[in-house]
Amino acid sequence: LEKLIEKNYYLHKSAREAYKSYLQAYASHQHKSIFNVNALDLQRVAPAFGFVVPPRVNLSIYCRKEERIQRRGGGGGYGTGYKSSKLQQKAKIFKRKTGDSRQFTR
């Protein structure tokens, strides 16, 4: 099974996504003292998904609620949190104040 997953791109990709989903579900469990993702041995979990070496998984476990990307339901779109900080600063600088109806031309 490990050799097959290693050779087939689509199997490898789906196994990696399953591994990532498993770790995210483990990290988001309500009983943090029992399901501690930091105490989990990733070398022993990886063969269950067909990996010899566990893939790198970026888990944003310790990020604050303000730092998370906020998505809105339905309708597609990205929601808030996807803009870079430089664009957000630029939007704050050039934002019109309410009641300001001046229009500048060159």
PDB file of N, CA and C in Angstrom:
ATOM      1  N   LEU A   1       0.825  -1.193   0.000  1.00  0.00           N
ATOM      2  CA  LEU A   1       0.000   0.000   0.000  1.00  0.00           C
ATOM      3  C   LEU A   1       0.869   1.257   0.000  1.00  0.00           C
ATOM      4  N   GLU A   2       1.943   1.232   0.765  1.00  0.00           N
ATOM      5  CA  GLU A   2       2.835   2.393   0.829  1.00  0.00           C
ATOM      6  C   GLU A   2       3.476   2.674  -0.532  1.00  0.00           C
ATOM      7  N   LYS A   3       3.879   1.621  -1.249  1.00  0.00           N
ATOM      8  CA  LYS A   3       4.490   1.802  -2.572  1.00  0.00           C
ATOM      9  C   LYS A   3       3.480   2.336  -3.582  1.00  0.00           C
ATOM     10  N   LEU A   4       2.237   1.866  -3.482  1.00  0.00           N
ATOM     11  CA  LEU A   4       1.193   2.314  -4.395  1.00  0.00           C
ATOM     12  C   LEU A   4       0.875   3.796  -4.172  1.00  0.00           C
ATOM     13  N   ILE A   5       0.755   4.197  -2.924  1.00  0.00           N
ATOM     14  CA  ILE A   5       0.484   5.604  -2.608  1.00  0.00           C
ATOM     15  C   ILE A   5       1.665   6.476  -3.003  1.00  0.00           C
ATOM     16  N   GLU A   6       2.854   5.931  -2.875  1.00  0.00           N
ATOM     17  CA  GLU A   6       4.062   6.679  -3.230  1.00  0.00           C
ATOM     18  C   GLU A   6       4.142   6.941  -4.736  1.00  0.00           C
ATOM     19  N   LYS A   7       3.655   5.997  -5.552  1.00  0.00           N
ATOM     20  CA  LYS A   7       3.761   6.117  -7.007  1.00  0.00           C
ATOM     21  C   LYS A   7       2.607   6.900  -7.629  1.00  0.00           C
ATOM     22  N   ASN A   8       1.400   6.720  -7.122  1.00  0.00           N
ATOM     23  CA  ASN A   8       0.221   7.338  -7.719  1.00  0.00           C
ATOM     24  C   ASN A   8      -0.011   8.719  -7.098  1.00  0.00           C
ATOM     25  N   TYR A   9      -0.004   9.737  -7.950  1.00  0.00           N
ATOM     26  CA  TYR A   9      -0.140  11.128  -7.494  1.00  0.00           C
ATOM     27  C   TYR A   9      -1.473  11.371  -6.787  1.00  0.00           C
ATOM     28  N   TYR A  10      -2.565  10.897  -7.369  1.00  0.00           N
ATOM     29  CA  TYR A  10      -3.894  11.165  -6.831  1.00  0.00           C
ATOM     30  C   TYR A  10      -4.118  10.438  -5.512  1.00  0.00           C
ATOM     31  N   LEU A  11      -3.614   9.228  -5.396  1.00  0.00           N
ATOM     32  CA  LEU A  11      -3.712   8.517  -4.119  1.00  0.00           C
ATOM     33  C   LEU A  11      -2.884   9.215  -3.049  1.00  0.00           C
ATOM     34  N   HIS A  12      -1.711   9.684  -3.440  1.00  0.00           N
ATOM     35  CA  HIS A  12      -0.846  10.393  -2.495  1.00  0.00           C
ATOM     36  C   HIS A  12      -1.507  11.688  -2.023  1.00  0.00           C
ATOM     37  N   LYS A  13      -2.120  12.391  -2.956  1.00  0.00           N
ATOM     38  CA  LYS A  13      -2.777  13.651  -2.618  1.00  0.00           C
ATOM     39  C   LYS A  13      -3.966  13.418  -1.687  1.00  0.00           C
ATOM     40  N   SER A  14      -4.773  12.416  -1.979  1.00  0.00           N
ATOM     41  CA  SER A  14      -5.935  12.141  -1.130  1.00  0.00           C
ATOM     42  C   SER A  14      -5.518  11.598   0.235  1.00  0.00           C
ATOM     43  N   ALA A  15      -4.441  10.820   0.284  1.00  0.00           N
ATOM     44  CA  ALA A  15      -3.936  10.332   1.572  1.00  0.00           C
ATOM     45  C   ALA A  15      -3.398  11.485   2.409  1.00  0.00           C
ATOM     46  N   ARG A  16      -2.745  12.442   1.748  1.00  0.00           N
ATOM     47  CA  ARG A  16      -2.226  13.611   2.464  1.00  0.00           C
ATOM     48  C   ARG A  16      -3.370  14.456   3.028  1.00  0.00           C
ATOM     49  N   GLU A  17      -4.435  14.623   2.241  1.00  0.00           N
ATOM     50  CA  GLU A  17      -5.602  15.374   2.712  1.00  0.00           C
ATOM     51  C   GLU A  17      -6.289  14.649   3.872  1.00  0.00           C
ATOM     52  N   ALA A  18      -6.359  13.318   3.799  1.00  0.00           N
ATOM     53  CA  ALA A  18      -6.954  12.541   4.887  1.00  0.00           C
ATOM     54  C   ALA A  18      -6.121  12.664   6.157  1.00  0.00           C
ATOM     55  N   TYR A  19      -4.811  12.632   6.007  1.00  0.00           N
ATOM     56  CA  TYR A  19      -3.888  12.788   7.139  1.00  0.00           C
ATOM     57  C   TYR A  19      -4.060  14.165   7.777  1.00  0.00           C
ATOM     58  N   LYS A  20      -4.167  15.184   6.941  1.00  0.00           N
ATOM     59  CA  LYS A  20      -4.346  16.553   7.431  1.00  0.00           C
ATOM     60  C   LYS A  20      -5.691  16.687   8.146  1.00  0.00           C
ATOM     61  N   SER A  21      -6.739  16.116   7.580  1.00  0.00           N
ATOM     62  CA  SER A  21      -8.064  16.179   8.194  1.00  0.00           C
ATOM     63  C   SER A  21      -8.089  15.459   9.532  1.00  0.00           C
ATOM     64  N   TYR A  22      -7.401  14.338   9.598  1.00  0.00           N
ATOM     65  CA  TYR A  22      -7.323  13.587  10.850  1.00  0.00           C
ATOM     66  C   TYR A  22      -6.652  14.419  11.932  1.00  0.00           C
ATOM     67  N   LEU A  23      -5.541  15.059  11.589  1.00  0.00           N
ATOM     68  CA  LEU A  23      -4.830  15.871  12.578  1.00  0.00           C
ATOM     69  C   LEU A  23      -5.643  17.093  12.991  1.00  0.00           C
ATOM     70  N   GLN A  24      -6.351  17.701  12.057  1.00  0.00           N
ATOM     71  CA  GLN A  24      -7.185  18.849  12.405  1.00  0.00           C
ATOM     72  C   GLN A  24      -8.348  18.437  13.297  1.00  0.00           C
ATOM     73  N   ALA A  25      -8.947  17.291  13.020  1.00  0.00           N
ATOM     74  CA  ALA A  25     -10.032  16.802  13.866  1.00  0.00           C
ATOM     75  C   ALA A  25      -9.510  16.451  15.256  1.00  0.00           C
ATOM     76  N   TYR A  26      -8.325  15.882  15.304  1.00  0.00           N
ATOM     77  CA  TYR A  26      -7.701  15.531  16.581  1.00  0.00           C
ATOM     78  C   TYR A  26      -7.408  16.798  17.383  1.00  0.00           C
ATOM     79  N   ALA A  27      -6.929  17.834  16.708  1.00  0.00           N
ATOM     80  CA  ALA A  27      -6.573  19.085  17.385  1.00  0.00           C
ATOM     81  C   ALA A  27      -7.802  19.861  17.832  1.00  0.00           C
ATOM     82  N   SER A  28      -8.899  19.737  17.111  1.00  0.00           N
ATOM     83  CA  SER A  28     -10.086  20.522  17.445  1.00  0.00           C
ATOM     84  C   SER A  28     -11.051  19.776  18.354  1.00  0.00           C
ATOM     85  N   HIS A  29     -10.641  18.645  18.888  1.00  0.00           N
ATOM     86  CA  HIS A  29     -11.511  17.887  19.778  1.00  0.00           C
ATOM     87  C   HIS A  29     -11.721  18.647  21.077  1.00  0.00           C
ATOM     88  N   GLN A  30     -12.884  18.450  21.676  1.00  0.00           N
ATOM     89  CA  GLN A  30     -13.258  19.203  22.863  1.00  0.00           C
ATOM     90  C   GLN A  30     -12.405  18.846  24.080  1.00  0.00           C
ATOM     91  N   HIS A  31     -12.027  17.592  24.223  1.00  0.00           N
ATOM     92  CA  HIS A  31     -11.227  17.144  25.370  1.00  0.00           C
ATOM     93  C   HIS A  31      -9.745  17.297  25.043  1.00  0.00           C
ATOM     94  N   LYS A  32      -9.219  18.497  25.274  1.00  0.00           N
ATOM     95  CA  LYS A  32      -7.827  18.809  24.919  1.00  0.00           C
ATOM     96  C   LYS A  32      -6.831  18.016  25.753  1.00  0.00           C
ATOM     97  N   SER A  33      -7.194  17.666  26.978  1.00  0.00           N
ATOM     98  CA  SER A  33      -6.249  16.929  27.819  1.00  0.00           C
ATOM     99  C   SER A  33      -6.060  15.499  27.325  1.00  0.00           C
ATOM    100  N   ILE A  34      -7.093  14.923  26.744  1.00  0.00           N
ATOM    101  CA  ILE A  34      -6.999  13.553  26.223  1.00  0.00           C
ATOM    102  C   ILE A  34      -6.448  13.559  24.802  1.00  0.00           C
ATOM    103  N   PHE A  35      -6.991  14.413  23.959  1.00  0.00           N
ATOM    104  CA  PHE A  35      -6.592  14.486  22.554  1.00  0.00           C
ATOM    105  C   PHE A  35      -5.605  15.631  22.356  1.00  0.00           C
ATOM    106  N   ASN A  36      -4.418  15.476  22.864  1.00  0.00           N
ATOM    107  CA  ASN A  36      -3.371  16.488  22.749  1.00  0.00           C
ATOM    108  C   ASN A  36      -2.564  16.205  21.486  1.00  0.00           C
ATOM    109  N   VAL A  37      -2.650  17.102  20.515  1.00  0.00           N
ATOM    110  CA  VAL A  37      -1.980  16.891  19.230  1.00  0.00           C
ATOM    111  C   VAL A  37      -0.460  16.995  19.375  1.00  0.00           C
ATOM    112  N   ASN A  38       0.012  17.698  20.392  1.00  0.00           N
ATOM    113  CA  ASN A  38       1.456  17.809  20.606  1.00  0.00           C
ATOM    114  C   ASN A  38       2.054  16.515  21.147  1.00  0.00           C
ATOM    115  N   ALA A  39       1.245  15.732  21.840  1.00  0.00           N
ATOM    116  CA  ALA A  39       1.720  14.461  22.379  1.00  0.00           C
ATOM    117  C   ALA A  39       1.562  13.312  21.380  1.00  0.00           C
ATOM    118  N   LEU A  40       0.926  13.575  20.255  1.00  0.00           N
ATOM    119  CA  LEU A  40       0.686  12.547  19.242  1.00  0.00           C
ATOM    120  C   LEU A  40       1.977  12.223  18.499  1.00  0.00           C
ATOM    121  N   ASP A  41       2.277  10.938  18.358  1.00  0.00           N
ATOM    122  CA  ASP A  41       3.476  10.511  17.640  1.00  0.00           C
ATOM    123  C   ASP A  41       3.135  10.411  16.151  1.00  0.00           C
ATOM    124  N   LEU A  42       3.576  11.401  15.393  1.00  0.00           N
ATOM    125  CA  LEU A  42       3.233  11.478  13.972  1.00  0.00           C
ATOM    126  C   LEU A  42       3.916  10.388  13.151  1.00  0.00           C
ATOM    127  N   GLN A  43       5.052   9.897  13.616  1.00  0.00           N
ATOM    128  CA  GLN A  43       5.746   8.802  12.921  1.00  0.00           C
ATOM    129  C   GLN A  43       4.926   7.520  12.966  1.00  0.00           C
ATOM    130  N   ARG A  44       4.153   7.338  14.019  1.00  0.00           N
ATOM    131  CA  ARG A  44       3.339   6.127  14.127  1.00  0.00           C
ATOM    132  C   ARG A  44       1.965   6.279  13.482  1.00  0.00           C
ATOM    133  N   VAL A  45       1.516   7.505  13.318  1.00  0.00           N
ATOM    134  CA  VAL A  45       0.219   7.744  12.676  1.00  0.00           C
ATOM    135  C   VAL A  45       0.346   7.661  11.155  1.00  0.00           C
ATOM    136  N   ALA A  46       1.474   8.094  10.616  1.00  0.00           N
ATOM    137  CA  ALA A  46       1.678   8.170   9.165  1.00  0.00           C
ATOM    138  C   ALA A  46       1.502   6.831   8.436  1.00  0.00           C
ATOM    139  N   PRO A  47       1.991   5.698   8.944  1.00  0.00           N
ATOM    140  CA  PRO A  47       1.779   4.432   8.219  1.00  0.00           C
ATOM    141  C   PRO A  47       0.311   4.025   8.085  1.00  0.00           C
ATOM    142  N   ALA A  48      -0.543   4.517   8.961  1.00  0.00           N
ATOM    143  CA  ALA A  48      -1.969   4.212   8.844  1.00  0.00           C
ATOM    144  C   ALA A  48      -2.570   4.843   7.590  1.00  0.00           C
ATOM    145  N   PHE A  49      -1.936   5.892   7.083  1.00  0.00           N
ATOM    146  CA  PHE A  49      -2.395   6.559   5.870  1.00  0.00           C
ATOM    147  C   PHE A  49      -1.533   6.199   4.664  1.00  0.00           C
ATOM    148  N   GLY A  50      -0.591   5.293   4.829  1.00  0.00           N
ATOM    149  CA  GLY A  50       0.223   4.814   3.722  1.00  0.00           C
ATOM    150  C   GLY A  50       1.492   5.600   3.492  1.00  0.00           C
ATOM    151  N   PHE A  51       1.983   6.311   4.486  1.00  0.00           N
ATOM    152  CA  PHE A  51       3.204   7.096   4.350  1.00  0.00           C
ATOM    153  C   PHE A  51       4.351   6.443   5.106  1.00  0.00           C
ATOM    154  N   VAL A  52       5.523   6.468   4.498  1.00  0.00           N
ATOM    155  CA  VAL A  52       6.732   6.036   5.197  1.00  0.00           C
ATOM    156  C   VAL A  52       7.227   7.202   6.052  1.00  0.00           C
ATOM    157  N   VAL A  53       7.229   8.381   5.447  1.00  0.00           N
ATOM    158  CA  VAL A  53       7.610   9.616   6.133  1.00  0.00           C
ATOM    159  C   VAL A  53       6.363  10.491   6.213  1.00  0.00           C
ATOM    160  N   PRO A  54       6.004  10.992   7.393  1.00  0.00           N
ATOM    161  CA  PRO A  54       4.792  11.811   7.483  1.00  0.00           C
ATOM    162  C   PRO A  54       4.944  13.132   6.729  1.00  0.00           C
ATOM    163  N   PRO A  55       3.930  13.532   5.968  1.00  0.00           N
ATOM    164  CA  PRO A  55       4.018  14.800   5.236  1.00  0.00           C
ATOM    165  C   PRO A  55       3.905  15.989   6.183  1.00  0.00           C
ATOM    166  N   ARG A  56       4.414  17.124   5.723  1.00  0.00           N
ATOM    167  CA  ARG A  56       4.302  18.345   6.527  1.00  0.00           C
ATOM    168  C   ARG A  56       2.869  18.852   6.450  1.00  0.00           C
ATOM    169  N   VAL A  57       2.339  19.178   7.603  1.00  0.00           N
ATOM    170  CA  VAL A  57       0.978  19.686   7.681  1.00  0.00           C
ATOM    171  C   VAL A  57       1.008  20.970   8.487  1.00  0.00           C
ATOM    172  N   ASN A  58       0.452  22.027   7.920  1.00  0.00           N
ATOM    173  CA  ASN A  58       0.400  23.306   8.606  1.00  0.00           C
ATOM    174  C   ASN A  58      -0.908  23.386   9.383  1.00  0.00           C
ATOM    175  N   LEU A  59      -0.829  23.212  10.681  1.00  0.00           N
ATOM    176  CA  LEU A  59      -2.000  23.324  11.537  1.00  0.00           C
ATOM    177  C   LEU A  59      -1.941  24.654  12.268  1.00  0.00           C
ATOM    178  N   SER A  60      -2.972  25.457  12.120  1.00  0.00           N
ATOM    179  CA  SER A  60      -3.016  26.732  12.836  1.00  0.00           C
ATOM    180  C   SER A  60      -3.772  26.521  14.141  1.00  0.00           C
ATOM    181  N   ILE A  61      -3.143  25.780  15.043  1.00  0.00           N
ATOM    182  CA  ILE A  61      -3.779  25.421  16.302  1.00  0.00           C
ATOM    183  C   ILE A  61      -3.777  26.598  17.263  1.00  0.00           C
ATOM    184  N   TYR A  62      -2.661  27.279  17.330  1.00  0.00           N
ATOM    185  CA  TYR A  62      -2.500  28.309  18.339  1.00  0.00           C
ATOM    186  C   TYR A  62      -2.804  29.709  17.830  1.00  0.00           C
ATOM    187  N   CYS A  63      -3.408  29.839  16.690  1.00  0.00           N
ATOM    188  CA  CYS A  63      -3.679  31.183  16.194  1.00  0.00           C
ATOM    189  C   CYS A  63      -4.938  31.727  16.870  1.00  0.00           C
ATOM    190  N   ARG A  64      -4.915  33.024  17.143  1.00  0.00           N
ATOM    191  CA  ARG A  64      -6.033  33.666  17.825  1.00  0.00           C
ATOM    192  C   ARG A  64      -7.208  33.807  16.873  1.00  0.00           C
ATOM    193  N   LYS A  65      -8.364  34.065  17.440  1.00  0.00           N
ATOM    194  CA  LYS A  65      -9.573  34.166  16.639  1.00  0.00           C
ATOM    195  C   LYS A  65      -9.503  35.333  15.659  1.00  0.00           C
ATOM    196  N   GLU A  66      -8.823  36.413  16.057  1.00  0.00           N
ATOM    197  CA  GLU A  66      -8.711  37.570  15.176  1.00  0.00           C
ATOM    198  C   GLU A  66      -7.832  37.265  13.968  1.00  0.00           C
ATOM    199  N   GLU A  67      -6.883  36.339  14.107  1.00  0.00           N
ATOM    200  CA  GLU A  67      -5.941  36.033  13.036  1.00  0.00           C
ATOM    201  C   GLU A  67      -6.486  35.025  12.035  1.00  0.00           C
ATOM    202  N   ARG A  68      -7.534  34.308  12.410  1.00  0.00           N
ATOM    203  CA  ARG A  68      -8.090  33.301  11.518  1.00  0.00           C
ATOM    204  C   ARG A  68      -8.808  33.957  10.349  1.00  0.00           C
ATOM    205  N   ILE A  69      -8.848  33.258   9.245  1.00  0.00           N
ATOM    206  CA  ILE A  69      -9.571  33.748   8.077  1.00  0.00           C
ATOM    207  C   ILE A  69     -11.053  33.505   8.315  1.00  0.00           C
ATOM    208  N   GLN A  70     -11.835  34.558   8.190  1.00  0.00           N
ATOM    209  CA  GLN A  70     -13.267  34.446   8.421  1.00  0.00           C
ATOM    210  C   GLN A  70     -13.953  34.235   7.086  1.00  0.00           C
ATOM    211  N   ARG A  71     -14.709  33.183   7.002  1.00  0.00           N
ATOM    212  CA  ARG A  71     -15.430  32.899   5.771  1.00  0.00           C
ATOM    213  C   ARG A  71     -16.913  33.059   6.027  1.00  0.00           C
ATOM    214  N   ARG A  72     -17.602  33.559   5.038  1.00  0.00           N
ATOM    215  CA  ARG A  72     -19.039  33.691   5.188  1.00  0.00           C
ATOM    216  C   ARG A  72     -19.709  32.554   4.449  1.00  0.00           C
ATOM    217  N   GLY A  73     -20.872  32.199   4.858  1.00  0.00           N
ATOM    218  CA  GLY A  73     -21.555  31.061   4.271  1.00  0.00           C
ATOM    219  C   GLY A  73     -22.243  31.394   2.969  1.00  0.00           C
ATOM    220  N   GLY A  74     -22.218  30.463   2.045  1.00  0.00           N
ATOM    221  CA  GLY A  74     -22.945  30.571   0.791  1.00  0.00           C
ATOM    222  C   GLY A  74     -22.431  31.642  -0.141  1.00  0.00           C
ATOM    223  N   GLY A  75     -22.856  31.599  -1.362  1.00  0.00           N
ATOM    224  CA  GLY A  75     -22.584  32.642  -2.324  1.00  0.00           C
ATOM    225  C   GLY A  75     -21.172  32.726  -2.842  1.00  0.00           C
ATOM    226  N   GLY A  76     -20.311  31.811  -2.474  1.00  0.00           N
ATOM    227  CA  GLY A  76     -18.933  31.884  -2.935  1.00  0.00           C
ATOM    228  C   GLY A  76     -18.220  33.049  -2.303  1.00  0.00           C
ATOM    229  N   GLY A  77     -17.231  33.550  -2.937  1.00  0.00           N
ATOM    230  CA  GLY A  77     -16.478  34.676  -2.391  1.00  0.00           C
ATOM    231  C   GLY A  77     -15.524  34.215  -1.309  1.00  0.00           C
ATOM    232  N   TYR A  78     -14.664  35.102  -0.919  1.00  0.00           N
ATOM    233  CA  TYR A  78     -13.630  34.733   0.030  1.00  0.00           C
ATOM    234  C   TYR A  78     -13.907  35.193   1.447  1.00  0.00           C
ATOM    235  N   GLY A  79     -14.772  36.159   1.645  1.00  0.00           N
ATOM    236  CA  GLY A  79     -14.999  36.668   2.982  1.00  0.00           C
ATOM    237  C   GLY A  79     -13.889  37.616   3.369  1.00  0.00           C
ATOM    238  N   THR A  80     -13.670  37.774   4.652  1.00  0.00           N
ATOM    239  CA  THR A  80     -12.639  38.693   5.123  1.00  0.00           C
ATOM    240  C   THR A  80     -11.431  37.908   5.595  1.00  0.00           C
ATOM    241  N   GLY A  81     -10.320  38.570   5.685  1.00  0.00           N
ATOM    242  CA  GLY A  81      -9.117  37.921   6.181  1.00  0.00           C
ATOM    243  C   GLY A  81      -8.158  37.510   5.093  1.00  0.00           C
ATOM    244  N   TYR A  82      -8.530  37.691   3.824  1.00  0.00           N
ATOM    245  CA  TYR A  82      -7.661  37.272   2.740  1.00  0.00           C
ATOM    246  C   TYR A  82      -6.781  38.401   2.222  1.00  0.00           C
ATOM    247  N   LYS A  83      -7.100  39.636   2.575  1.00  0.00           N
ATOM    248  CA  LYS A  83      -6.289  40.750   2.100  1.00  0.00           C
ATOM    249  C   LYS A  83      -4.960  40.768   2.834  1.00  0.00           C
ATOM    250  N   SER A  84      -3.951  41.207   2.153  1.00  0.00           N
ATOM    251  CA  SER A  84      -2.664  41.347   2.824  1.00  0.00           C
ATOM    252  C   SER A  84      -2.704  42.579   3.710  1.00  0.00           C
ATOM    253  N   SER A  85      -1.811  42.643   4.660  1.00  0.00           N
ATOM    254  CA  SER A  85      -1.807  43.756   5.602  1.00  0.00           C
ATOM    255  C   SER A  85      -1.496  45.072   4.900  1.00  0.00           C
ATOM    256  N   LYS A  86      -0.686  45.016   3.839  1.00  0.00           N
ATOM    257  CA  LYS A  86      -0.346  46.236   3.105  1.00  0.00           C
ATOM    258  C   LYS A  86      -1.590  46.819   2.432  1.00  0.00           C
ATOM    259  N   LEU A  87      -2.431  45.965   1.856  1.00  0.00           N
ATOM    260  CA  LEU A  87      -3.655  46.442   1.221  1.00  0.00           C
ATOM    261  C   LEU A  87      -4.633  46.997   2.248  1.00  0.00           C
ATOM    262  N   GLN A  88      -4.685  46.373   3.422  1.00  0.00           N
ATOM    263  CA  GLN A  88      -5.576  46.865   4.458  1.00  0.00           C
ATOM    264  C   GLN A  88      -5.134  48.233   4.954  1.00  0.00           C
ATOM    265  N   GLN A  89      -3.830  48.440   5.106  1.00  0.00           N
ATOM    266  CA  GLN A  89      -3.328  49.737   5.540  1.00  0.00           C
ATOM    267  C   GLN A  89      -3.627  50.801   4.489  1.00  0.00           C
ATOM    268  N   LYS A  90      -3.473  50.436   3.225  1.00  0.00           N
ATOM    269  CA  LYS A  90      -3.735  51.374   2.138  1.00  0.00           C
ATOM    270  C   LYS A  90      -5.213  51.758   2.118  1.00  0.00           C
ATOM    271  N   ALA A  91      -6.088  50.806   2.368  1.00  0.00           N
ATOM    272  CA  ALA A  91      -7.518  51.083   2.389  1.00  0.00           C
ATOM    273  C   ALA A  91      -7.869  52.019   3.541  1.00  0.00           C
ATOM    274  N   LYS A  92      -7.172  51.894   4.664  1.00  0.00           N
ATOM    275  CA  LYS A  92      -7.430  52.778   5.799  1.00  0.00           C
ATOM    276  C   LYS A  92      -6.971  54.202   5.496  1.00  0.00           C
ATOM    277  N   ILE A  93      -5.850  54.348   4.808  1.00  0.00           N
ATOM    278  CA  ILE A  93      -5.296  55.670   4.534  1.00  0.00           C
ATOM    279  C   ILE A  93      -6.177  56.433   3.553  1.00  0.00           C
ATOM    280  N   PHE A  94      -6.611  55.792   2.494  1.00  0.00           N
ATOM    281  CA  PHE A  94      -7.331  56.471   1.428  1.00  0.00           C
ATOM    282  C   PHE A  94      -8.849  56.356   1.543  1.00  0.00           C
ATOM    283  N   LYS A  95      -9.337  55.966   2.696  1.00  0.00           N
ATOM    284  CA  LYS A  95     -10.775  55.833   2.873  1.00  0.00           C
ATOM    285  C   LYS A  95     -11.395  57.217   3.064  1.00  0.00           C
ATOM    286  N   ARG A  96     -12.476  57.481   2.343  1.00  0.00           N
ATOM    287  CA  ARG A  96     -13.151  58.771   2.473  1.00  0.00           C
ATOM    288  C   ARG A  96     -13.902  58.839   3.787  1.00  0.00           C
ATOM    289  N   LYS A  97     -13.885  59.989   4.375  1.00  0.00           N
ATOM    290  CA  LYS A  97     -14.644  60.213   5.599  1.00  0.00           C
ATOM    291  C   LYS A  97     -16.083  60.522   5.223  1.00  0.00           C
ATOM    292  N   THR A  98     -16.992  60.193   6.108  1.00  0.00           N
ATOM    293  CA  THR A  98     -18.403  60.453   5.824  1.00  0.00           C
ATOM    294  C   THR A  98     -18.648  61.957   5.789  1.00  0.00           C
ATOM    295  N   GLY A  99     -19.450  62.383   4.874  1.00  0.00           N
ATOM    296  CA  GLY A  99     -19.755  63.798   4.721  1.00  0.00           C
ATOM    297  C   GLY A  99     -18.777  64.532   3.827  1.00  0.00           C
ATOM    298  N   ASP A 100     -17.711  63.885   3.380  1.00  0.00           N
ATOM    299  CA  ASP A 100     -16.717  64.518   2.523  1.00  0.00           C
ATOM    300  C   ASP A 100     -17.111  64.265   1.074  1.00  0.00           C
ATOM    301  N   SER A 101     -17.628  65.302   0.405  1.00  0.00           N
ATOM    302  CA  SER A 101     -18.100  65.126  -0.967  1.00  0.00           C
ATOM    303  C   SER A 101     -17.171  65.775  -1.981  1.00  0.00           C
ATOM    304  N   ARG A 102     -15.958  66.134  -1.552  1.00  0.00           N
ATOM    305  CA  ARG A 102     -15.017  66.761  -2.482  1.00  0.00           C
ATOM    306  C   ARG A 102     -14.523  65.748  -3.508  1.00  0.00           C
ATOM    307  N   GLN A 103     -14.307  66.232  -4.718  1.00  0.00           N
ATOM    308  CA  GLN A 103     -13.782  65.374  -5.767  1.00  0.00           C
ATOM    309  C   GLN A 103     -12.571  66.068  -6.372  1.00  0.00           C
ATOM    310  N   PHE A 104     -11.470  65.362  -6.406  1.00  0.00           N
ATOM    311  CA  PHE A 104     -10.226  65.951  -6.887  1.00  0.00           C
ATOM    312  C   PHE A 104      -9.933  65.451  -8.295  1.00  0.00           C
ATOM    313  N   THR A 105      -9.459  66.358  -9.144  1.00  0.00           N
ATOM    314  CA  THR A 105      -9.069  65.991 -10.504  1.00  0.00           C
ATOM    315  C   THR A 105      -7.695  66.553 -10.784  1.00  0.00           C
ATOM    316  N   ARG A 106      -7.058  66.020 -11.795  1.00  0.00           N
ATOM    317  CA  ARG A 106      -5.726  66.495 -12.174  1.00  0.00           C
ATOM    318  C   ARG A 106      -5.800  67.346 -13.384  1.00  0.00           C
TER     319      ARG A 106
END
